[in-house]
PDB file of all heavy atoms in Angstrom:
ATOM      1  N   GLU A   1     -18.430  -4.355   1.520  1.00  0.00           N
ATOM      2  CA  GLU A   1     -18.067  -3.114   2.202  1.00  0.00           C
ATOM      3  C   GLU A   1     -18.826  -2.949   3.514  1.00  0.00           C
ATOM      4  O   GLU A   1     -18.268  -2.474   4.510  1.00  0.00           O
ATOM      5  CB  GLU A   1     -18.342  -1.912   1.302  1.00  0.00           C
ATOM      6  CG  GLU A   1     -17.273  -1.657   0.257  1.00  0.00           C
ATOM      7  CD  GLU A   1     -17.545  -0.414  -0.558  1.00  0.00           C
ATOM      8  OE1 GLU A   1     -18.701  -0.233  -0.996  1.00  0.00           O
ATOM      9  OE2 GLU A   1     -16.615   0.391  -0.760  1.00  0.00           O
ATOM     10  N   LYS A   2     -20.100  -3.339   3.536  1.00  0.00           N
ATOM     11  CA  LYS A   2     -20.870  -3.244   4.777  1.00  0.00           C
ATOM     12  C   LYS A   2     -20.320  -4.224   5.811  1.00  0.00           C
ATOM     13  O   LYS A   2     -20.224  -3.898   7.002  1.00  0.00           O
ATOM     14  CB  LYS A   2     -22.364  -3.509   4.523  1.00  0.00           C
ATOM     15  CG  LYS A   2     -23.057  -2.393   3.768  1.00  0.00           C
ATOM     16  CD  LYS A   2     -24.551  -2.359   4.015  1.00  0.00           C
ATOM     17  CE  LYS A   2     -24.904  -1.755   5.353  1.00  0.00           C
ATOM     18  NZ  LYS A   2     -26.344  -1.459   5.493  1.00  0.00           N
ATOM     19  N   MET A   3     -19.962  -5.423   5.365  1.00  0.00           N
ATOM     20  CA  MET A   3     -19.322  -6.377   6.269  1.00  0.00           C
ATOM     21  C   MET A   3     -18.017  -5.791   6.810  1.00  0.00           C
ATOM     22  O   MET A   3     -17.747  -5.823   8.021  1.00  0.00           O
ATOM     23  CB  MET A   3     -19.022  -7.682   5.526  1.00  0.00           C
ATOM     24  CG  MET A   3     -20.231  -8.513   5.158  1.00  0.00           C
ATOM     25  SD  MET A   3     -19.681 -10.046   4.359  1.00  0.00           S
ATOM     26  CE  MET A   3     -21.199 -10.985   4.341  1.00  0.00           C
ATOM     27  N   GLN A   4     -17.227  -5.275   5.895  1.00  0.00           N
ATOM     28  CA  GLN A   4     -15.913  -4.733   6.237  1.00  0.00           C
ATOM     29  C   GLN A   4     -16.031  -3.583   7.236  1.00  0.00           C
ATOM     30  O   GLN A   4     -15.323  -3.539   8.251  1.00  0.00           O
ATOM     31  CB  GLN A   4     -15.228  -4.263   4.950  1.00  0.00           C
ATOM     32  CG  GLN A   4     -13.793  -3.814   5.111  1.00  0.00           C
ATOM     33  CD  GLN A   4     -13.211  -3.352   3.785  1.00  0.00           C
ATOM     34  OE1 GLN A   4     -13.890  -2.716   2.985  1.00  0.00           O
ATOM     35  NE2 GLN A   4     -11.955  -3.659   3.545  1.00  0.00           N
ATOM     36  N   HIS A   5     -16.947  -2.658   6.961  1.00  0.00           N
ATOM     37  CA  HIS A   5     -17.120  -1.497   7.834  1.00  0.00           C
ATOM     38  C   HIS A   5     -17.563  -1.924   9.230  1.00  0.00           C
ATOM     39  O   HIS A   5     -17.056  -1.416  10.247  1.00  0.00           O
ATOM     40  CB  HIS A   5     -18.150  -0.535   7.231  1.00  0.00           C
ATOM     41  CG  HIS A   5     -18.488   0.617   8.129  1.00  0.00           C
ATOM     42  ND1 HIS A   5     -17.633   1.683   8.328  1.00  0.00           N
ATOM     43  CD2 HIS A   5     -19.575   0.854   8.904  1.00  0.00           C
ATOM     44  CE1 HIS A   5     -18.183   2.527   9.185  1.00  0.00           C
ATOM     45  NE2 HIS A   5     -19.363   2.060   9.545  1.00  0.00           N
ATOM     46  N   THR A   6     -18.506  -2.868   9.288  1.00  0.00           N
ATOM     47  CA  THR A   6     -19.020  -3.328  10.573  1.00  0.00           C
ATOM     48  C   THR A   6     -17.929  -4.028  11.376  1.00  0.00           C
ATOM     49  O   THR A   6     -17.722  -3.746  12.568  1.00  0.00           O
ATOM     50  CB  THR A   6     -20.209  -4.284  10.373  1.00  0.00           C
ATOM     51  OG1 THR A   6     -21.224  -3.620   9.608  1.00  0.00           O
ATOM     52  CG2 THR A   6     -20.791  -4.726  11.695  1.00  0.00           C
ATOM     53  N   LEU A   7     -17.219  -4.955  10.732  1.00  0.00           N
ATOM     54  CA  LEU A   7     -16.147  -5.668  11.416  1.00  0.00           C
ATOM     55  C   LEU A   7     -15.038  -4.720  11.850  1.00  0.00           C
ATOM     56  O   LEU A   7     -14.512  -4.822  12.962  1.00  0.00           O
ATOM     57  CB  LEU A   7     -15.572  -6.762  10.507  1.00  0.00           C
ATOM     58  CG  LEU A   7     -16.407  -8.034  10.378  1.00  0.00           C
ATOM     59  CD1 LEU A   7     -15.935  -8.873   9.201  1.00  0.00           C
ATOM     60  CD2 LEU A   7     -16.348  -8.853  11.668  1.00  0.00           C
ATOM     61  N   ASP A   8     -14.690  -3.777  10.972  1.00  0.00           N
ATOM     62  CA  ASP A   8     -13.627  -2.826  11.280  1.00  0.00           C
ATOM     63  C   ASP A   8     -13.962  -2.033  12.546  1.00  0.00           C
ATOM     64  O   ASP A   8     -13.111  -1.814  13.413  1.00  0.00           O
ATOM     65  CB  ASP A   8     -13.425  -1.874  10.094  1.00  0.00           C
ATOM     66  CG  ASP A   8     -12.083  -1.168  10.138  1.00  0.00           C
ATOM     67  OD1 ASP A   8     -11.053  -1.868  10.125  1.00  0.00           O
ATOM     68  OD2 ASP A   8     -12.064   0.073  10.197  1.00  0.00           O
ATOM     69  N   THR A   9     -15.220  -1.612  12.653  1.00  0.00           N
ATOM     70  CA  THR A   9     -15.665  -0.882  13.838  1.00  0.00           C
ATOM     71  C   THR A   9     -15.586  -1.761  15.079  1.00  0.00           C
ATOM     72  O   THR A   9     -15.159  -1.317  16.159  1.00  0.00           O
ATOM     73  CB  THR A   9     -17.108  -0.383  13.641  1.00  0.00           C
ATOM     74  OG1 THR A   9     -17.158   0.476  12.497  1.00  0.00           O
ATOM     75  CG2 THR A   9     -17.593   0.382  14.861  1.00  0.00           C
ATOM     76  N   MET A  10     -15.981  -3.021  14.934  1.00  0.00           N
ATOM     77  CA  MET A  10     -15.925  -3.957  16.064  1.00  0.00           C
ATOM     78  C   MET A  10     -14.482  -4.194  16.504  1.00  0.00           C
ATOM     79  O   MET A  10     -14.180  -4.233  17.703  1.00  0.00           O
ATOM     80  CB  MET A  10     -16.605  -5.280  15.683  1.00  0.00           C
ATOM     81  CG  MET A  10     -18.102  -5.150  15.417  1.00  0.00           C
ATOM     82  SD  MET A  10     -18.877  -6.677  14.800  1.00  0.00           S
ATOM     83  CE  MET A  10     -19.087  -7.592  16.342  1.00  0.00           C
ATOM     84  N   PHE A  11     -13.577  -4.350  15.536  1.00  0.00           N
ATOM     85  CA  PHE A  11     -12.163  -4.561  15.870  1.00  0.00           C
ATOM     86  C   PHE A  11     -11.603  -3.357  16.628  1.00  0.00           C
ATOM     87  O   PHE A  11     -10.937  -3.501  17.659  1.00  0.00           O
ATOM     88  CB  PHE A  11     -11.330  -4.780  14.606  1.00  0.00           C
ATOM     89  CG  PHE A  11     -11.682  -5.998  13.801  1.00  0.00           C
ATOM     90  CD1 PHE A  11     -11.329  -6.080  12.459  1.00  0.00           C
ATOM     91  CD2 PHE A  11     -12.365  -7.069  14.356  1.00  0.00           C
ATOM     92  CE1 PHE A  11     -11.640  -7.196  11.703  1.00  0.00           C
ATOM     93  CE2 PHE A  11     -12.687  -8.188  13.610  1.00  0.00           C
ATOM     94  CZ  PHE A  11     -12.321  -8.247  12.282  1.00  0.00           C
ATOM     95  N   LYS A  12     -11.852  -2.179  16.093  1.00  0.00           N
ATOM     96  CA  LYS A  12     -11.277  -0.970  16.675  1.00  0.00           C
ATOM     97  C   LYS A  12     -11.808  -0.711  18.080  1.00  0.00           C
ATOM     98  O   LYS A  12     -11.116  -0.128  18.913  1.00  0.00           O
ATOM     99  CB  LYS A  12     -11.535   0.222  15.765  1.00  0.00           C
ATOM    100  CG  LYS A  12     -10.673   0.192  14.507  1.00  0.00           C
ATOM    101  CD  LYS A  12     -11.024   1.291  13.524  1.00  0.00           C
ATOM    102  CE  LYS A  12     -10.108   1.219  12.298  1.00  0.00           C
ATOM    103  NZ  LYS A  12     -10.521   2.157  11.235  1.00  0.00           N
ATOM    104  N   SER A  13     -13.028  -1.172  18.356  1.00  0.00           N
ATOM    105  CA  SER A  13     -13.583  -0.998  19.701  1.00  0.00           C
ATOM    106  C   SER A  13     -12.808  -1.818  20.739  1.00  0.00           C
ATOM    107  O   SER A  13     -12.924  -1.570  21.946  1.00  0.00           O
ATOM    108  CB  SER A  13     -15.058  -1.391  19.721  1.00  0.00           C
ATOM    109  OG  SER A  13     -15.214  -2.805  19.629  1.00  0.00           O
ATOM    110  N   THR A  14     -11.996  -2.789  20.284  1.00  0.00           N
ATOM    111  CA  THR A  14     -11.175  -3.591  21.199  1.00  0.00           C
ATOM    112  C   THR A  14      -9.727  -3.116  21.224  1.00  0.00           C
ATOM    113  O   THR A  14      -8.869  -3.778  21.818  1.00  0.00           O
ATOM    114  CB  THR A  14     -11.204  -5.082  20.813  1.00  0.00           C
ATOM    115  OG1 THR A  14     -10.461  -5.283  19.599  1.00  0.00           O
ATOM    116  CG2 THR A  14     -12.629  -5.585  20.628  1.00  0.00           C
ATOM    117  N   GLY A  15      -9.435  -1.991  20.558  1.00  0.00           N
ATOM    118  CA  GLY A  15      -8.083  -1.432  20.580  1.00  0.00           C
ATOM    119  C   GLY A  15      -7.235  -1.740  19.363  1.00  0.00           C
ATOM    120  O   GLY A  15      -6.064  -1.344  19.299  1.00  0.00           O
ATOM    121  N   VAL A  16      -7.788  -2.437  18.378  1.00  0.00           N
ATOM    122  CA  VAL A  16      -7.030  -2.814  17.185  1.00  0.00           C
ATOM    123  C   VAL A  16      -6.854  -1.617  16.255  1.00  0.00           C
ATOM    124  O   VAL A  16      -7.744  -0.783  16.101  1.00  0.00           O
ATOM    125  CB  VAL A  16      -7.747  -3.963  16.438  1.00  0.00           C
ATOM    126  CG1 VAL A  16      -7.095  -4.254  15.097  1.00  0.00           C
ATOM    127  CG2 VAL A  16      -7.756  -5.216  17.309  1.00  0.00           C
ATOM    128  N   GLN A  17      -5.675  -1.528  15.619  1.00  0.00           N
ATOM    129  CA  GLN A  17      -5.392  -0.509  14.602  1.00  0.00           C
ATOM    130  C   GLN A  17      -5.108  -1.194  13.275  1.00  0.00           C
ATOM    131  O   GLN A  17      -4.614  -2.328  13.233  1.00  0.00           O
ATOM    132  CB  GLN A  17      -4.182   0.337  15.000  1.00  0.00           C
ATOM    133  CG  GLN A  17      -4.384   1.192  16.242  1.00  0.00           C
ATOM    134  CD  GLN A  17      -3.132   1.962  16.580  1.00  0.00           C
ATOM    135  OE1 GLN A  17      -2.092   1.390  16.891  1.00  0.00           O
ATOM    136  NE2 GLN A  17      -3.222   3.287  16.511  1.00  0.00           N
ATOM    137  N   ASN A  18      -5.389  -0.492  12.170  1.00  0.00           N
ATOM    138  CA  ASN A  18      -5.119  -1.040  10.844  1.00  0.00           C
ATOM    139  C   ASN A  18      -3.741  -0.621  10.343  1.00  0.00           C
ATOM    140  O   ASN A  18      -3.277   0.497  10.605  1.00  0.00           O
ATOM    141  CB  ASN A  18      -6.172  -0.567   9.840  1.00  0.00           C
ATOM    142  CG  ASN A  18      -7.503  -1.255  10.036  1.00  0.00           C
ATOM    143  OD1 ASN A  18      -7.559  -2.375  10.532  1.00  0.00           O
ATOM    144  ND2 ASN A  18      -8.587  -0.600   9.651  1.00  0.00           N
ATOM    145  N   ALA A  19      -3.113  -1.519   9.585  1.00  0.00           N
ATOM    146  CA  ALA A  19      -1.837  -1.242   8.918  1.00  0.00           C
ATOM    147  C   ALA A  19      -1.834  -2.022   7.611  1.00  0.00           C
ATOM    148  O   ALA A  19      -2.797  -2.729   7.291  1.00  0.00           O
ATOM    149  CB  ALA A  19      -0.666  -1.653   9.805  1.00  0.00           C
ATOM    150  N   TYR A  20      -0.760  -1.882   6.849  1.00  0.00           N
ATOM    151  CA  TYR A  20      -0.657  -2.634   5.597  1.00  0.00           C
ATOM    152  C   TYR A  20       0.775  -3.128   5.419  1.00  0.00           C
ATOM    153  O   TYR A  20       1.735  -2.388   5.660  1.00  0.00           O
ATOM    154  CB  TYR A  20      -1.062  -1.781   4.396  1.00  0.00           C
ATOM    155  CG  TYR A  20      -1.100  -2.593   3.117  1.00  0.00           C
ATOM    156  CD1 TYR A  20      -2.195  -3.404   2.832  1.00  0.00           C
ATOM    157  CD2 TYR A  20      -0.025  -2.603   2.236  1.00  0.00           C
ATOM    158  CE1 TYR A  20      -2.221  -4.188   1.694  1.00  0.00           C
ATOM    159  CE2 TYR A  20      -0.043  -3.386   1.096  1.00  0.00           C
ATOM    160  CZ  TYR A  20      -1.142  -4.178   0.827  1.00  0.00           C
ATOM    161  OH  TYR A  20      -1.161  -4.970  -0.295  1.00  0.00           O
ATOM    162  N   PHE A  21       0.900  -4.386   4.967  1.00  0.00           N
ATOM    163  CA  PHE A  21       2.200  -5.023   4.791  1.00  0.00           C
ATOM    164  C   PHE A  21       2.345  -5.511   3.344  1.00  0.00           C
ATOM    165  O   PHE A  21       1.359  -5.668   2.628  1.00  0.00           O
ATOM    166  CB  PHE A  21       2.334  -6.195   5.774  1.00  0.00           C
ATOM    167  CG  PHE A  21       2.273  -5.764   7.211  1.00  0.00           C
ATOM    168  CD1 PHE A  21       1.050  -5.639   7.868  1.00  0.00           C
ATOM    169  CD2 PHE A  21       3.437  -5.454   7.905  1.00  0.00           C
ATOM    170  CE1 PHE A  21       0.993  -5.223   9.193  1.00  0.00           C
ATOM    171  CE2 PHE A  21       3.381  -5.037   9.226  1.00  0.00           C
ATOM    172  CZ  PHE A  21       2.159  -4.915   9.870  1.00  0.00           C
ATOM    173  N   PRO A  22       3.573  -5.771   2.881  1.00  0.00           N
ATOM    174  CA  PRO A  22       3.807  -6.099   1.471  1.00  0.00           C
ATOM    175  C   PRO A  22       3.063  -7.342   0.981  1.00  0.00           C
ATOM    176  O   PRO A  22       2.866  -8.299   1.730  1.00  0.00           O
ATOM    177  CB  PRO A  22       5.322  -6.312   1.416  1.00  0.00           C
ATOM    178  CG  PRO A  22       5.863  -5.510   2.542  1.00  0.00           C
ATOM    179  CD  PRO A  22       4.830  -5.615   3.629  1.00  0.00           C
ATOM    180  N   LEU A  23       2.710  -7.290  -0.296  1.00  0.00           N
ATOM    181  CA  LEU A  23       2.073  -8.423  -0.971  1.00  0.00           C
ATOM    182  C   LEU A  23       3.065  -9.561  -1.174  1.00  0.00           C
ATOM    183  O   LEU A  23       2.700 -10.735  -1.147  1.00  0.00           O
ATOM    184  CB  LEU A  23       1.531  -7.960  -2.323  1.00  0.00           C
ATOM    185  CG  LEU A  23       1.033  -9.020  -3.293  1.00  0.00           C
ATOM    186  CD1 LEU A  23      -0.243  -9.655  -2.767  1.00  0.00           C
ATOM    187  CD2 LEU A  23       0.789  -8.414  -4.674  1.00  0.00           C
ATOM    188  N   LEU A  24       4.338  -9.214  -1.385  1.00  0.00           N
ATOM    189  CA  LEU A  24       5.369 -10.197  -1.708  1.00  0.00           C
ATOM    190  C   LEU A  24       6.212 -10.512  -0.475  1.00  0.00           C
ATOM    191  O   LEU A  24       6.638  -9.610   0.253  1.00  0.00           O
ATOM    192  CB  LEU A  24       6.263  -9.687  -2.836  1.00  0.00           C
ATOM    193  CG  LEU A  24       5.522  -9.385  -4.152  1.00  0.00           C
ATOM    194  CD1 LEU A  24       6.476  -8.773  -5.167  1.00  0.00           C
ATOM    195  CD2 LEU A  24       4.880 -10.642  -4.710  1.00  0.00           C
ATOM    196  N   ILE A  25       6.443 -11.803  -0.274  1.00  0.00           N
ATOM    197  CA  ILE A  25       7.156 -12.271   0.916  1.00  0.00           C
ATOM    198  C   ILE A  25       8.402 -13.048   0.479  1.00  0.00           C
ATOM    199  O   ILE A  25       8.300 -13.971  -0.350  1.00  0.00           O
ATOM    200  CB  ILE A  25       6.247 -13.189   1.752  1.00  0.00           C
ATOM    201  CG1 ILE A  25       5.000 -12.409   2.206  1.00  0.00           C
ATOM    202  CG2 ILE A  25       6.998 -13.762   2.947  1.00  0.00           C
ATOM    203  CD1 ILE A  25       3.958 -13.275   2.876  1.00  0.00           C
ATOM    204  N   PRO A  26       9.586 -12.707   0.992  1.00  0.00           N
ATOM    205  CA  PRO A  26      10.789 -13.491   0.653  1.00  0.00           C
ATOM    206  C   PRO A  26      10.594 -14.962   1.009  1.00  0.00           C
ATOM    207  O   PRO A  26      10.059 -15.289   2.078  1.00  0.00           O
ATOM    208  CB  PRO A  26      11.878 -12.853   1.526  1.00  0.00           C
ATOM    209  CG  PRO A  26      11.386 -11.465   1.811  1.00  0.00           C
ATOM    210  CD  PRO A  26       9.892 -11.579   1.903  1.00  0.00           C
ATOM    211  N   LYS A  27      11.002 -15.830   0.119  1.00  0.00           N
ATOM    212  CA  LYS A  27      10.809 -17.266   0.352  1.00  0.00           C
ATOM    213  C   LYS A  27      11.484 -17.715   1.644  1.00  0.00           C
ATOM    214  O   LYS A  27      10.973 -18.578   2.364  1.00  0.00           O
ATOM    215  CB  LYS A  27      11.342 -18.073  -0.834  1.00  0.00           C
ATOM    216  CG  LYS A  27      11.018 -19.569  -0.733  1.00  0.00           C
ATOM    217  CD  LYS A  27      11.362 -20.318  -2.006  1.00  0.00           C
ATOM    218  CE  LYS A  27      12.862 -20.541  -2.123  1.00  0.00           C
ATOM    219  NZ  LYS A  27      13.195 -21.436  -3.251  1.00  0.00           N
ATOM    220  N   SER A  28      12.621 -17.114   1.973  1.00  0.00           N
ATOM    221  CA  SER A  28      13.339 -17.484   3.195  1.00  0.00           C
ATOM    222  C   SER A  28      12.508 -17.197   4.440  1.00  0.00           C
ATOM    223  O   SER A  28      12.618 -17.899   5.439  1.00  0.00           O
ATOM    224  CB  SER A  28      14.667 -16.722   3.281  1.00  0.00           C
ATOM    225  OG  SER A  28      14.442 -15.313   3.294  1.00  0.00           O
ATOM    226  N   PHE A  29      11.644 -16.156   4.391  1.00  0.00           N
ATOM    227  CA  PHE A  29      10.783 -15.849   5.524  1.00  0.00           C
ATOM    228  C   PHE A  29       9.791 -16.986   5.757  1.00  0.00           C
ATOM    229  O   PHE A  29       9.561 -17.404   6.884  1.00  0.00           O
ATOM    230  CB  PHE A  29      10.002 -14.542   5.274  1.00  0.00           C
ATOM    231  CG  PHE A  29      10.758 -13.295   5.635  1.00  0.00           C
ATOM    232  CD1 PHE A  29      12.101 -13.165   5.335  1.00  0.00           C
ATOM    233  CD2 PHE A  29      10.132 -12.256   6.284  1.00  0.00           C
ATOM    234  CE1 PHE A  29      12.812 -12.025   5.656  1.00  0.00           C
ATOM    235  CE2 PHE A  29      10.813 -11.104   6.627  1.00  0.00           C
ATOM    236  CZ  PHE A  29      12.167 -10.979   6.315  1.00  0.00           C
ATOM    237  N   LEU A  30       9.199 -17.448   4.664  1.00  0.00           N
ATOM    238  CA  LEU A  30       8.174 -18.485   4.776  1.00  0.00           C
ATOM    239  C   LEU A  30       8.755 -19.777   5.344  1.00  0.00           C
ATOM    240  O   LEU A  30       8.067 -20.547   6.002  1.00  0.00           O
ATOM    241  CB  LEU A  30       7.544 -18.746   3.406  1.00  0.00           C
ATOM    242  CG  LEU A  30       6.139 -19.353   3.405  1.00  0.00           C
ATOM    243  CD1 LEU A  30       5.125 -18.357   3.958  1.00  0.00           C
ATOM    244  CD2 LEU A  30       5.733 -19.764   1.998  1.00  0.00           C
ATOM    245  N   CYS A  31      10.042 -19.981   5.096  1.00  0.00           N
ATOM    246  CA  CYS A  31      10.675 -21.228   5.506  1.00  0.00           C
ATOM    247  C   CYS A  31      11.115 -21.235   6.972  1.00  0.00           C
ATOM    248  O   CYS A  31      11.575 -22.267   7.471  1.00  0.00           O
ATOM    249  CB  CYS A  31      11.896 -21.513   4.620  1.00  0.00           C
ATOM    250  SG  CYS A  31      11.480 -21.811   2.890  1.00  0.00           S
ATOM    251  N   ARG A  32      10.990 -20.117   7.668  1.00  0.00           N
ATOM    252  CA  ARG A  32      11.513 -20.058   9.040  1.00  0.00           C
ATOM    253  C   ARG A  32      10.662 -20.831  10.044  1.00  0.00           C
ATOM    254  O   ARG A  32      11.155 -21.224  11.096  1.00  0.00           O
ATOM    255  CB  ARG A  32      11.636 -18.598   9.484  1.00  0.00           C
ATOM    256  CG  ARG A  32      12.753 -17.853   8.769  1.00  0.00           C
ATOM    257  CD  ARG A  32      13.041 -16.533   9.472  1.00  0.00           C
ATOM    258  NE  ARG A  32      13.839 -15.656   8.638  1.00  0.00           N
ATOM    259  CZ  ARG A  32      14.254 -14.462   9.013  1.00  0.00           C
ATOM    260  NH1 ARG A  32      13.918 -13.992  10.205  1.00  0.00           N
ATOM    261  NH2 ARG A  32      14.974 -13.712   8.198  1.00  0.00           N
ATOM    262  N   GLU A  33       9.364 -20.980   9.755  1.00  0.00           N
ATOM    263  CA  GLU A  33       8.484 -21.737  10.654  1.00  0.00           C
ATOM    264  C   GLU A  33       8.072 -23.001   9.919  1.00  0.00           C
ATOM    265  O   GLU A  33       7.310 -22.953   8.970  1.00  0.00           O
ATOM    266  CB  GLU A  33       7.258 -20.888  11.028  1.00  0.00           C
ATOM    267  CG  GLU A  33       6.755 -21.101  12.455  1.00  0.00           C
ATOM    268  CD  GLU A  33       6.129 -22.477  12.669  1.00  0.00           C
ATOM    269  OE1 GLU A  33       5.533 -23.001  11.722  1.00  0.00           O
ATOM    270  OE2 GLU A  33       6.230 -23.013  13.780  1.00  0.00           O
ATOM    271  N   ALA A  34       8.613 -24.137  10.355  1.00  0.00           N
ATOM    272  CA  ALA A  34       8.507 -25.387   9.584  1.00  0.00           C
ATOM    273  C   ALA A  34       7.071 -25.813   9.317  1.00  0.00           C
ATOM    274  O   ALA A  34       6.710 -26.146   8.171  1.00  0.00           O
ATOM    275  CB  ALA A  34       9.264 -26.497  10.312  1.00  0.00           C
ATOM    276  N   GLU A  35       6.223 -25.841  10.341  1.00  0.00           N
ATOM    277  CA  GLU A  35       4.833 -26.272  10.154  1.00  0.00           C
ATOM    278  C   GLU A  35       4.101 -25.313   9.210  1.00  0.00           C
ATOM    279  O   GLU A  35       3.275 -25.725   8.400  1.00  0.00           O
ATOM    280  CB  GLU A  35       4.103 -26.302  11.501  1.00  0.00           C
ATOM    281  CG  GLU A  35       4.477 -27.472  12.383  1.00  0.00           C
ATOM    282  CD  GLU A  35       3.615 -27.495  13.637  1.00  0.00           C
ATOM    283  OE1 GLU A  35       2.372 -27.521  13.497  1.00  0.00           O
ATOM    284  OE2 GLU A  35       4.182 -27.459  14.734  1.00  0.00           O
ATOM    285  N   HIS A  36       4.403 -24.026   9.336  1.00  0.00           N
ATOM    286  CA  HIS A  36       3.734 -23.011   8.536  1.00  0.00           C
ATOM    287  C   HIS A  36       4.022 -23.212   7.045  1.00  0.00           C
ATOM    288  O   HIS A  36       3.100 -23.233   6.220  1.00  0.00           O
ATOM    289  CB  HIS A  36       4.221 -21.629   8.988  1.00  0.00           C
ATOM    290  CG  HIS A  36       3.450 -20.487   8.418  1.00  0.00           C
ATOM    291  ND1 HIS A  36       2.139 -20.227   8.775  1.00  0.00           N
ATOM    292  CD2 HIS A  36       3.785 -19.535   7.513  1.00  0.00           C
ATOM    293  CE1 HIS A  36       1.714 -19.154   8.133  1.00  0.00           C
ATOM    294  NE2 HIS A  36       2.696 -18.723   7.355  1.00  0.00           N
ATOM    295  N   VAL A  37       5.285 -23.370   6.683  1.00  0.00           N
ATOM    296  CA  VAL A  37       5.627 -23.531   5.263  1.00  0.00           C
ATOM    297  C   VAL A  37       5.058 -24.833   4.716  1.00  0.00           C
ATOM    298  O   VAL A  37       4.586 -24.891   3.573  1.00  0.00           O
ATOM    299  CB  VAL A  37       7.153 -23.448   5.032  1.00  0.00           C
ATOM    300  CG1 VAL A  37       7.880 -24.630   5.643  1.00  0.00           C
ATOM    301  CG2 VAL A  37       7.467 -23.344   3.537  1.00  0.00           C
ATOM    302  N   GLU A  38       5.054 -25.890   5.529  1.00  0.00           N
ATOM    303  CA  GLU A  38       4.498 -27.165   5.071  1.00  0.00           C
ATOM    304  C   GLU A  38       3.003 -27.039   4.806  1.00  0.00           C
ATOM    305  O   GLU A  38       2.475 -27.606   3.860  1.00  0.00           O
ATOM    306  CB  GLU A  38       4.760 -28.248   6.123  1.00  0.00           C
ATOM    307  CG  GLU A  38       4.302 -29.621   5.679  1.00  0.00           C
ATOM    308  CD  GLU A  38       4.580 -30.686   6.728  1.00  0.00           C
ATOM    309  OE1 GLU A  38       5.250 -30.378   7.732  1.00  0.00           O
ATOM    310  OE2 GLU A  38       4.121 -31.823   6.547  1.00  0.00           O
ATOM    311  N   GLY A  39       2.322 -26.242   5.645  1.00  0.00           N
ATOM    312  CA  GLY A  39       0.880 -26.080   5.502  1.00  0.00           C
ATOM    313  C   GLY A  39       0.472 -25.336   4.247  1.00  0.00           C
ATOM    314  O   GLY A  39      -0.619 -25.549   3.719  1.00  0.00           O
ATOM    315  N   PHE A  40       1.342 -24.433   3.760  1.00  0.00           N
ATOM    316  CA  PHE A  40       0.972 -23.598   2.614  1.00  0.00           C
ATOM    317  C   PHE A  40       1.780 -23.876   1.348  1.00  0.00           C
ATOM    318  O   PHE A  40       1.505 -23.280   0.300  1.00  0.00           O
ATOM    319  CB  PHE A  40       1.126 -22.110   2.978  1.00  0.00           C
ATOM    320  CG  PHE A  40       0.069 -21.623   3.925  1.00  0.00           C
ATOM    321  CD1 PHE A  40       0.332 -21.491   5.282  1.00  0.00           C
ATOM    322  CD2 PHE A  40      -1.200 -21.311   3.473  1.00  0.00           C
ATOM    323  CE1 PHE A  40      -0.647 -21.051   6.159  1.00  0.00           C
ATOM    324  CE2 PHE A  40      -2.184 -20.875   4.336  1.00  0.00           C
ATOM    325  CZ  PHE A  40      -1.904 -20.743   5.690  1.00  0.00           C
ATOM    326  N   ALA A  41       2.757 -24.767   1.406  1.00  0.00           N
ATOM    327  CA  ALA A  41       3.685 -24.972   0.295  1.00  0.00           C
ATOM    328  C   ALA A  41       2.986 -25.278  -1.031  1.00  0.00           C
ATOM    329  O   ALA A  41       3.374 -24.760  -2.089  1.00  0.00           O
ATOM    330  CB  ALA A  41       4.668 -26.093   0.645  1.00  0.00           C
TER     331      ALA A  41
END
């Protein structure tokens, strides 16, 4: 938590905002970037 809080403050000082995205990703999405899917398959 101390790491997280410190980094979060550092990020926000550069203009970054936090958001949240789904845990589950459609398989078709992963397949759209060829090198990416090969790297994590």
